[in-house]
Amino acid sequence: MSFAALEITRLANGDIVLRDAEDGREPLVRIRFSREVRDMLGEDVVLVAEAMIEAATDHIAGHDGSDEPSVVTSPVLH
């Protein structure tokens, strides 16, 4: 079984994406916040997107949130 290195990245248009760090294909996940929410969150917008992605992966994996996070990610801004 092979594993992909995934990264969470903020695009120039403000979208936050989860993508394979080693290829240029379409992102696996794209999160687009409204301008109002982006202005309200400021730089925390990436942290909110990370929390959303982690919650989704925990839900899919069947975790109830009481264990350690199943996906550990570090912010990567380009």
PDB file of N, CA and C in Angstrom:
ATOM      1  N   MET A   1       0.841  -1.172   0.000  1.00  0.00           N
ATOM      2  CA  MET A   1       0.000   0.000   0.000  1.00  0.00           C
ATOM      3  C   MET A   1       0.886   1.234   0.000  1.00  0.00           C
ATOM      4  N   SER A   2       0.595   2.194  -0.852  1.00  0.00           N
ATOM      5  CA  SER A   2       1.387   3.420  -0.892  1.00  0.00           C
ATOM      6  C   SER A   2       0.602   4.558  -0.251  1.00  0.00           C
ATOM      7  N   PHE A   3       1.339   5.480   0.307  1.00  0.00           N
ATOM      8  CA  PHE A   3       0.737   6.626   0.967  1.00  0.00           C
ATOM      9  C   PHE A   3       1.194   7.891   0.270  1.00  0.00           C
ATOM     10  N   ALA A   4       0.293   8.843   0.141  1.00  0.00           N
ATOM     11  CA  ALA A   4       0.625  10.120  -0.476  1.00  0.00           C
ATOM     12  C   ALA A   4       0.919  11.137   0.620  1.00  0.00           C
ATOM     13  N   ALA A   5       1.883  11.990   0.356  1.00  0.00           N
ATOM     14  CA  ALA A   5       2.130  13.118   1.247  1.00  0.00           C
ATOM     15  C   ALA A   5       1.120  14.194   0.875  1.00  0.00           C
ATOM     16  N   LEU A   6       0.279  14.560   1.824  1.00  0.00           N
ATOM     17  CA  LEU A   6      -0.757  15.549   1.568  1.00  0.00           C
ATOM     18  C   LEU A   6      -0.379  16.870   2.211  1.00  0.00           C
ATOM     19  N   GLU A   7      -0.820  17.960   1.588  1.00  0.00           N
ATOM     20  CA  GLU A   7      -0.578  19.281   2.151  1.00  0.00           C
ATOM     21  C   GLU A   7      -1.850  20.109   2.062  1.00  0.00           C
ATOM     22  N   ILE A   8      -2.007  20.977   3.040  1.00  0.00           N
ATOM     23  CA  ILE A   8      -3.084  21.955   3.022  1.00  0.00           C
ATOM     24  C   ILE A   8      -2.450  23.266   2.602  1.00  0.00           C
ATOM     25  N   THR A   9      -2.986  23.852   1.548  1.00  0.00           N
ATOM     26  CA  THR A   9      -2.380  25.030   0.937  1.00  0.00           C
ATOM     27  C   THR A   9      -3.430  26.101   0.704  1.00  0.00           C
ATOM     28  N   ARG A  10      -3.041  27.346   0.871  1.00  0.00           N
ATOM     29  CA  ARG A  10      -3.906  28.479   0.542  1.00  0.00           C
ATOM     30  C   ARG A  10      -3.524  28.968  -0.846  1.00  0.00           C
ATOM     31  N   LEU A  11      -4.497  28.972  -1.744  1.00  0.00           N
ATOM     32  CA  LEU A  11      -4.266  29.423  -3.110  1.00  0.00           C
ATOM     33  C   LEU A  11      -4.337  30.945  -3.197  1.00  0.00           C
ATOM     34  N   ALA A  12      -3.870  31.493  -4.311  1.00  0.00           N
ATOM     35  CA  ALA A  12      -3.862  32.941  -4.517  1.00  0.00           C
ATOM     36  C   ALA A  12      -5.263  33.543  -4.432  1.00  0.00           C
ATOM     37  N   ASN A  13      -6.294  32.776  -4.810  1.00  0.00           N
ATOM     38  CA  ASN A  13      -7.667  33.295  -4.773  1.00  0.00           C
ATOM     39  C   ASN A  13      -8.302  33.183  -3.387  1.00  0.00           C
ATOM     40  N   GLY A  14      -7.561  32.678  -2.389  1.00  0.00           N
ATOM     41  CA  GLY A  14      -8.068  32.558  -1.028  1.00  0.00           C
ATOM     42  C   GLY A  14      -8.612  31.194  -0.676  1.00  0.00           C
ATOM     43  N   ASP A  15      -8.828  30.327  -1.668  1.00  0.00           N
ATOM     44  CA  ASP A  15      -9.311  28.973  -1.394  1.00  0.00           C
ATOM     45  C   ASP A  15      -8.254  28.203  -0.615  1.00  0.00           C
ATOM     46  N   ILE A  16      -8.725  27.307   0.246  1.00  0.00           N
ATOM     47  CA  ILE A  16      -7.841  26.397   0.968  1.00  0.00           C
ATOM     48  C   ILE A  16      -8.048  25.023   0.346  1.00  0.00           C
ATOM     49  N   VAL A  17      -6.953  24.351  -0.030  1.00  0.00           N
ATOM     50  CA  VAL A  17      -7.075  23.048  -0.680  1.00  0.00           C
ATOM     51  C   VAL A  17      -6.239  22.006   0.044  1.00  0.00           C
ATOM     52  N   LEU A  18      -6.715  20.770  -0.045  1.00  0.00           N
ATOM     53  CA  LEU A  18      -5.957  19.601   0.390  1.00  0.00           C
ATOM     54  C   LEU A  18      -5.548  18.894  -0.883  1.00  0.00           C
ATOM     55  N   ARG A  19      -4.249  18.696  -1.058  1.00  0.00           N
ATOM     56  CA  ARG A  19      -3.774  18.079  -2.293  1.00  0.00           C
ATOM     57  C   ARG A  19      -2.544  17.227  -2.033  1.00  0.00           C
ATOM     58  N   ASP A  20      -2.272  16.391  -3.021  1.00  0.00           N
ATOM     59  CA  ASP A  20      -1.058  15.584  -3.004  1.00  0.00           C
ATOM     60  C   ASP A  20       0.119  16.545  -3.155  1.00  0.00           C
ATOM     61  N   ALA A  21       1.065  16.461  -2.253  1.00  0.00           N
ATOM     62  CA  ALA A  21       2.197  17.388  -2.255  1.00  0.00           C
ATOM     63  C   ALA A  21       3.139  17.169  -3.425  1.00  0.00           C
ATOM     64  N   GLU A  22       3.041  16.001  -4.084  1.00  0.00           N
ATOM     65  CA  GLU A  22       4.030  15.664  -5.101  1.00  0.00           C
ATOM     66  C   GLU A  22       3.511  15.683  -6.530  1.00  0.00           C
ATOM     67  N   ASP A  23       2.241  16.013  -6.737  1.00  0.00           N
ATOM     68  CA  ASP A  23       1.760  16.085  -8.115  1.00  0.00           C
ATOM     69  C   ASP A  23       0.920  17.342  -8.309  1.00  0.00           C
ATOM     70  N   GLY A  24       0.648  17.678  -9.528  1.00  0.00           N
ATOM     71  CA  GLY A  24      -0.078  18.896  -9.838  1.00  0.00           C
ATOM     72  C   GLY A  24      -1.536  18.677 -10.179  1.00  0.00           C
ATOM     73  N   ARG A  25      -2.073  17.521  -9.788  1.00  0.00           N
ATOM     74  CA  ARG A  25      -3.463  17.220 -10.127  1.00  0.00           C
ATOM     75  C   ARG A  25      -4.428  18.104  -9.344  1.00  0.00           C
ATOM     76  N   GLU A  26      -5.697  17.982  -9.735  1.00  0.00           N
ATOM     77  CA  GLU A  26      -6.777  18.705  -9.062  1.00  0.00           C
ATOM     78  C   GLU A  26      -6.752  18.395  -7.564  1.00  0.00           C
ATOM     79  N   PRO A  27      -7.005  19.397  -6.703  1.00  0.00           N
ATOM     80  CA  PRO A  27      -7.028  19.149  -5.261  1.00  0.00           C
ATOM     81  C   PRO A  27      -8.070  18.104  -4.877  1.00  0.00           C
ATOM     82  N   LEU A  28      -7.801  17.386  -3.801  1.00  0.00           N
ATOM     83  CA  LEU A  28      -8.742  16.401  -3.278  1.00  0.00           C
ATOM     84  C   LEU A  28      -9.931  17.089  -2.621  1.00  0.00           C
ATOM     85  N   VAL A  29      -9.666  18.207  -1.946  1.00  0.00           N
ATOM     86  CA  VAL A  29     -10.695  18.984  -1.255  1.00  0.00           C
ATOM     87  C   VAL A  29     -10.407  20.457  -1.497  1.00  0.00           C
ATOM     88  N   ARG A  30     -11.474  21.228  -1.692  1.00  0.00           N
ATOM     89  CA  ARG A  30     -11.345  22.680  -1.845  1.00  0.00           C
ATOM     90  C   ARG A  30     -12.359  23.324  -0.910  1.00  0.00           C
ATOM     91  N   ILE A  31     -11.885  24.246  -0.060  1.00  0.00           N
ATOM     92  CA  ILE A  31     -12.760  24.980   0.850  1.00  0.00           C
ATOM     93  C   ILE A  31     -12.697  26.446   0.446  1.00  0.00           C
ATOM     94  N   ARG A  32     -13.873  27.021   0.201  1.00  0.00           N
ATOM     95  CA  ARG A  32     -13.956  28.429  -0.199  1.00  0.00           C
ATOM     96  C   ARG A  32     -14.831  29.163   0.815  1.00  0.00           C
ATOM     97  N   PHE A  33     -14.224  30.083   1.540  1.00  0.00           N
ATOM     98  CA  PHE A  33     -14.952  30.905   2.493  1.00  0.00           C
ATOM     99  C   PHE A  33     -15.382  32.197   1.809  1.00  0.00           C
ATOM    100  N   SER A  34     -16.500  32.743   2.233  1.00  0.00           N
ATOM    101  CA  SER A  34     -16.940  34.034   1.702  1.00  0.00           C
ATOM    102  C   SER A  34     -15.943  35.109   2.127  1.00  0.00           C
ATOM    103  N   ARG A  35     -15.961  36.217   1.428  1.00  0.00           N
ATOM    104  CA  ARG A  35     -15.066  37.330   1.771  1.00  0.00           C
ATOM    105  C   ARG A  35     -15.316  37.776   3.217  1.00  0.00           C
ATOM    106  N   GLU A  36     -16.586  37.810   3.620  1.00  0.00           N
ATOM    107  CA  GLU A  36     -16.931  38.227   4.980  1.00  0.00           C
ATOM    108  C   GLU A  36     -16.276  37.309   6.016  1.00  0.00           C
ATOM    109  N   VAL A  37     -16.334  36.013   5.793  1.00  0.00           N
ATOM    110  CA  VAL A  37     -15.735  35.060   6.734  1.00  0.00           C
ATOM    111  C   VAL A  37     -14.213  35.159   6.691  1.00  0.00           C
ATOM    112  N   ARG A  38     -13.632  35.288   5.495  1.00  0.00           N
ATOM    113  CA  ARG A  38     -12.169  35.442   5.394  1.00  0.00           C
ATOM    114  C   ARG A  38     -11.704  36.678   6.152  1.00  0.00           C
ATOM    115  N   ASP A  39     -12.450  37.797   6.008  1.00  0.00           N
ATOM    116  CA  ASP A  39     -12.088  39.026   6.724  1.00  0.00           C
ATOM    117  C   ASP A  39     -12.206  38.835   8.235  1.00  0.00           C
ATOM    118  N   MET A  40     -13.238  38.122   8.668  1.00  0.00           N
ATOM    119  CA  MET A  40     -13.465  37.895  10.088  1.00  0.00           C
ATOM    120  C   MET A  40     -12.367  37.005  10.687  1.00  0.00           C
ATOM    121  N   LEU A  41     -11.981  35.943   9.968  1.00  0.00           N
ATOM    122  CA  LEU A  41     -11.007  34.982  10.487  1.00  0.00           C
ATOM    123  C   LEU A  41      -9.565  35.431  10.309  1.00  0.00           C
ATOM    124  N   GLY A  42      -9.300  36.233   9.308  1.00  0.00           N
ATOM    125  CA  GLY A  42      -7.925  36.648   9.035  1.00  0.00           C
ATOM    126  C   GLY A  42      -7.053  35.440   8.732  1.00  0.00           C
ATOM    127  N   GLU A  43      -5.873  35.392   9.326  1.00  0.00           N
ATOM    128  CA  GLU A  43      -4.953  34.277   9.089  1.00  0.00           C
ATOM    129  C   GLU A  43      -5.447  32.973   9.705  1.00  0.00           C
ATOM    130  N   ASP A  44      -6.407  33.047  10.619  1.00  0.00           N
ATOM    131  CA  ASP A  44      -6.960  31.828  11.225  1.00  0.00           C
ATOM    132  C   ASP A  44      -7.794  31.023  10.245  1.00  0.00           C
ATOM    133  N   VAL A  45      -8.040  31.564   9.063  1.00  0.00           N
ATOM    134  CA  VAL A  45      -8.834  30.845   8.065  1.00  0.00           C
ATOM    135  C   VAL A  45      -8.200  29.489   7.746  1.00  0.00           C
ATOM    136  N   VAL A  46      -6.885  29.411   7.723  1.00  0.00           N
ATOM    137  CA  VAL A  46      -6.203  28.142   7.444  1.00  0.00           C
ATOM    138  C   VAL A  46      -6.426  27.163   8.595  1.00  0.00           C
ATOM    139  N   LEU A  47      -6.356  27.644   9.819  1.00  0.00           N
ATOM    140  CA  LEU A  47      -6.591  26.771  10.976  1.00  0.00           C
ATOM    141  C   LEU A  47      -8.019  26.232  10.985  1.00  0.00           C
ATOM    142  N   VAL A  48      -8.982  27.060  10.607  1.00  0.00           N
ATOM    143  CA  VAL A  48     -10.374  26.608  10.546  1.00  0.00           C
ATOM    144  C   VAL A  48     -10.527  25.547   9.463  1.00  0.00           C
ATOM    145  N   ALA A  49      -9.912  25.770   8.307  1.00  0.00           N
ATOM    146  CA  ALA A  49      -9.974  24.780   7.225  1.00  0.00           C
ATOM    147  C   ALA A  49      -9.322  23.468   7.663  1.00  0.00           C
ATOM    148  N   GLU A  50      -8.183  23.546   8.349  1.00  0.00           N
ATOM    149  CA  GLU A  50      -7.527  22.335   8.853  1.00  0.00           C
ATOM    150  C   GLU A  50      -8.446  21.581   9.806  1.00  0.00           C
ATOM    151  N   ALA A  51      -9.122  22.305  10.696  1.00  0.00           N
ATOM    152  CA  ALA A  51     -10.039  21.663  11.646  1.00  0.00           C
ATOM    153  C   ALA A  51     -11.197  21.000  10.913  1.00  0.00           C
ATOM    154  N   MET A  52     -11.695  21.628   9.858  1.00  0.00           N
ATOM    155  CA  MET A  52     -12.784  21.048   9.070  1.00  0.00           C
ATOM    156  C   MET A  52     -12.334  19.754   8.400  1.00  0.00           C
ATOM    157  N   ILE A  53     -11.138  19.765   7.833  1.00  0.00           N
ATOM    158  CA  ILE A  53     -10.615  18.571   7.162  1.00  0.00           C
ATOM    159  C   ILE A  53     -10.360  17.463   8.182  1.00  0.00           C
ATOM    160  N   GLU A  54      -9.798  17.819   9.333  1.00  0.00           N
ATOM    161  CA  GLU A  54      -9.550  16.814  10.371  1.00  0.00           C
ATOM    162  C   GLU A  54     -10.857  16.214  10.880  1.00  0.00           C
ATOM    163  N   ALA A  55     -11.877  17.038  11.069  1.00  0.00           N
ATOM    164  CA  ALA A  55     -13.181  16.529  11.516  1.00  0.00           C
ATOM    165  C   ALA A  55     -13.759  15.562  10.492  1.00  0.00           C
ATOM    166  N   ALA A  56     -13.605  15.877   9.223  1.00  0.00           N
ATOM    167  CA  ALA A  56     -14.114  14.987   8.171  1.00  0.00           C
ATOM    168  C   ALA A  56     -13.368  13.658   8.170  1.00  0.00           C
ATOM    169  N   THR A  57     -12.050  13.694   8.296  1.00  0.00           N
ATOM    170  CA  THR A  57     -11.289  12.441   8.292  1.00  0.00           C
ATOM    171  C   THR A  57     -11.590  11.619   9.540  1.00  0.00           C
ATOM    172  N   ASP A  58     -11.765  12.273  10.683  1.00  0.00           N
ATOM    173  CA  ASP A  58     -12.141  11.550  11.904  1.00  0.00           C
ATOM    174  C   ASP A  58     -13.509  10.901  11.746  1.00  0.00           C
ATOM    175  N   HIS A  59     -14.436  11.610  11.157  1.00  0.00           N
ATOM    176  CA  HIS A  59     -15.783  11.067  10.946  1.00  0.00           C
ATOM    177  C   HIS A  59     -15.724   9.833  10.045  1.00  0.00           C
ATOM    178  N   ILE A  60     -14.981   9.940   8.962  1.00  0.00           N
ATOM    179  CA  ILE A  60     -14.864   8.818   8.025  1.00  0.00           C
ATOM    180  C   ILE A  60     -14.193   7.625   8.699  1.00  0.00           C
ATOM    181  N   ALA A  61     -13.198   7.896   9.537  1.00  0.00           N
ATOM    182  CA  ALA A  61     -12.477   6.821  10.221  1.00  0.00           C
ATOM    183  C   ALA A  61     -13.254   6.279  11.418  1.00  0.00           C
ATOM    184  N   GLY A  62     -14.349   6.923  11.796  1.00  0.00           N
ATOM    185  CA  GLY A  62     -15.164   6.446  12.897  1.00  0.00           C
ATOM    186  C   GLY A  62     -14.690   6.864  14.271  1.00  0.00           C
ATOM    187  N   HIS A  63     -13.846   7.876  14.334  1.00  0.00           N
ATOM    188  CA  HIS A  63     -13.357   8.349  15.627  1.00  0.00           C
ATOM    189  C   HIS A  63     -14.376   9.273  16.258  1.00  0.00           C
ATOM    190  N   ASP A  64     -14.399   9.260  17.584  1.00  0.00           N
ATOM    191  CA  ASP A  64     -15.346  10.116  18.295  1.00  0.00           C
ATOM    192  C   ASP A  64     -14.722  11.406  18.812  1.00  0.00           C
ATOM    193  N   GLY A  65     -13.453  11.627  18.492  1.00  0.00           N
ATOM    194  CA  GLY A  65     -12.790  12.847  18.915  1.00  0.00           C
ATOM    195  C   GLY A  65     -12.068  12.732  20.241  1.00  0.00           C
ATOM    196  N   SER A  66     -12.195  11.602  20.932  1.00  0.00           N
ATOM    197  CA  SER A  66     -11.549  11.451  22.229  1.00  0.00           C
ATOM    198  C   SER A  66     -10.107  10.972  22.110  1.00  0.00           C
ATOM    199  N   ASP A  67      -9.726  10.475  20.950  1.00  0.00           N
ATOM    200  CA  ASP A  67      -8.359  10.001  20.726  1.00  0.00           C
ATOM    201  C   ASP A  67      -7.516  11.110  20.130  1.00  0.00           C
ATOM    202  N   GLU A  68      -6.262  10.793  19.939  1.00  0.00           N
ATOM    203  CA  GLU A  68      -5.377  11.712  19.254  1.00  0.00           C
ATOM    204  C   GLU A  68      -5.876  11.924  17.830  1.00  0.00           C
ATOM    205  N   PRO A  69      -5.585  13.070  17.223  1.00  0.00           N
ATOM    206  CA  PRO A  69      -6.011  13.293  15.838  1.00  0.00           C
ATOM    207  C   PRO A  69      -5.462  12.215  14.914  1.00  0.00           C
ATOM    208  N   SER A  70      -6.279  11.783  13.956  1.00  0.00           N
ATOM    209  CA  SER A  70      -5.851  10.736  13.033  1.00  0.00           C
ATOM    210  C   SER A  70      -4.955  11.281  11.929  1.00  0.00           C
ATOM    211  N   VAL A  71      -5.047  12.564  11.654  1.00  0.00           N
ATOM    212  CA  VAL A  71      -4.233  13.188  10.622  1.00  0.00           C
ATOM    213  C   VAL A  71      -3.531  14.375  11.254  1.00  0.00           C
ATOM    214  N   VAL A  72      -2.226  14.351  11.222  1.00  0.00           N
ATOM    215  CA  VAL A  72      -1.452  15.461  11.750  1.00  0.00           C
ATOM    216  C   VAL A  72      -0.920  16.233  10.562  1.00  0.00           C
ATOM    217  N   THR A  73      -1.271  17.504  10.507  1.00  0.00           N
ATOM    218  CA  THR A  73      -0.829  18.329   9.389  1.00  0.00           C
ATOM    219  C   THR A  73      -0.167  19.583   9.918  1.00  0.00           C
ATOM    220  N   SER A  74       0.776  20.065   9.179  1.00  0.00           N
ATOM    221  CA  SER A  74       1.401  21.338   9.479  1.00  0.00           C
ATOM    222  C   SER A  74       0.971  22.326   8.413  1.00  0.00           C
ATOM    223  N   PRO A  75       0.696  23.555   8.800  1.00  0.00           N
ATOM    224  CA  PRO A  75       0.289  24.526   7.790  1.00  0.00           C
ATOM    225  C   PRO A  75       1.392  24.735   6.767  1.00  0.00           C
ATOM    226  N   VAL A  76       1.019  24.731   5.508  1.00  0.00           N
ATOM    227  CA  VAL A  76       1.952  25.000   4.422  1.00  0.00           C
ATOM    228  C   VAL A  76       1.315  26.070   3.565  1.00  0.00           C
ATOM    229  N   LEU A  77       1.866  27.257   3.600  1.00  0.00           N
ATOM    230  CA  LEU A  77       1.340  28.348   2.792  1.00  0.00           C
ATOM    231  C   LEU A  77       2.300  28.621   1.654  1.00  0.00           C
ATOM    232  N   HIS A  78       1.743  28.725   0.456  1.00  0.00           N
ATOM    233  CA  HIS A  78       2.567  29.006  -0.721  1.00  0.00           C
ATOM    234  C   HIS A  78       2.196  30.342  -1.291  1.00  0.00           C
TER     235      HIS A  78
END
